[in-house]
Amino acid sequence: MKRIDAALDDLFRQVLAWGGVVTGEHGIGVARLPWGEKATSPEARKLHVAFKRAVDPNGILNPGKFV
């Protein structure tokens, strides 16, 4: 598993260096969650949190995930 995580880190680092994104139509996913902060701007994260709180005030939909 360590080799897979290291390979994903290398891959995502290069994707971001090329100006790409590590998110997709289904969100960032569990494997890419640590990359969420690097892959999104502070403004985008703030908007995401505000939207998530508005539609899921009790935090019961996909808790702990960036969708």
Protein backbone atom coordinates (compact mmCIF):
# COMPACT_ATOMS: atom_id res chain seq x y z
CA MET A 1 0.00 0.00 0.00
CA LYS A 2 2.89 2.37 0.68
CA ARG A 3 4.09 2.02 -2.91
CA ILE A 4 0.61 2.81 -4.22
CA ASP A 5 0.32 5.87 -1.98
CA ALA A 6 3.77 7.06 -3.08
CA ALA A 7 2.85 6.55 -6.74
CA LEU A 8 -0.39 8.50 -6.28
CA ASP A 9 1.50 11.30 -4.55
CA ASP A 10 3.94 11.49 -7.47
CA LEU A 11 1.08 11.40 -9.97
CA PHE A 12 -1.02 14.08 -8.27
CA ARG A 13 2.02 16.31 -7.73
CA GLN A 14 2.79 16.17 -11.45
CA VAL A 15 -0.84 16.68 -12.48
CA LEU A 16 -1.03 19.84 -10.35
CA ALA A 17 2.36 21.03 -11.67
CA TRP A 18 0.94 20.80 -15.20
CA GLY A 19 -2.08 22.86 -14.15
CA GLY A 20 -4.45 19.88 -14.02
CA VAL A 21 -6.91 18.89 -11.34
CA VAL A 22 -7.18 15.82 -9.13
CA THR A 23 -10.93 16.07 -8.75
CA GLY A 24 -13.56 14.58 -10.99
CA GLU A 25 -17.27 14.48 -11.58
CA HIS A 26 -17.72 12.40 -8.41
CA GLY A 27 -15.69 14.62 -6.11
CA ILE A 28 -12.16 14.16 -4.88
CA GLY A 29 -12.63 10.71 -3.35
CA VAL A 30 -11.03 9.11 -0.33
CA ALA A 31 -7.66 8.35 -1.95
CA ARG A 32 -7.23 11.96 -3.03
CA LEU A 33 -8.62 13.61 0.11
CA PRO A 34 -5.16 14.66 1.39
CA TRP A 35 -4.69 16.50 -1.92
CA GLY A 36 -7.90 18.51 -1.57
CA GLU A 37 -6.21 21.46 0.07
CA LYS A 38 -3.41 21.54 -2.50
CA ALA A 39 -5.82 21.15 -5.40
CA THR A 40 -8.34 23.85 -4.48
CA SER A 41 -8.10 27.51 -3.63
CA PRO A 42 -9.03 28.83 -0.18
CA GLU A 43 -12.03 30.53 -1.80
CA ALA A 44 -13.23 27.27 -3.38
CA ARG A 45 -12.88 25.42 -0.07
CA LYS A 46 -14.80 28.16 1.75
CA LEU A 47 -17.58 27.99 -0.85
CA HIS A 48 -17.65 24.19 -0.59
CA VAL A 49 -18.00 24.31 3.20
CA ALA A 50 -20.78 26.93 3.00
CA PHE A 51 -22.68 24.93 0.38
CA LYS A 52 -22.26 21.66 2.29
CA ARG A 53 -23.58 23.28 5.48
CA ALA A 54 -26.53 24.74 3.59
CA VAL A 55 -27.65 21.44 2.04
CA ASP A 56 -26.52 19.16 4.88
CA PRO A 57 -26.71 21.14 8.14
CA ASN A 58 -26.43 17.98 10.26
CA GLY A 59 -23.38 16.67 8.38
CA ILE A 60 -24.92 13.25 7.73
CA LEU A 61 -24.30 13.01 3.97
CA ASN A 62 -20.84 11.58 3.23
CA PRO A 63 -19.32 12.73 6.53
CA GLY A 64 -15.61 13.45 6.38
CA LYS A 65 -15.49 13.46 2.60
CA PHE A 66 -14.88 16.22 0.10
CA VAL A 67 -17.60 15.77 -2.52
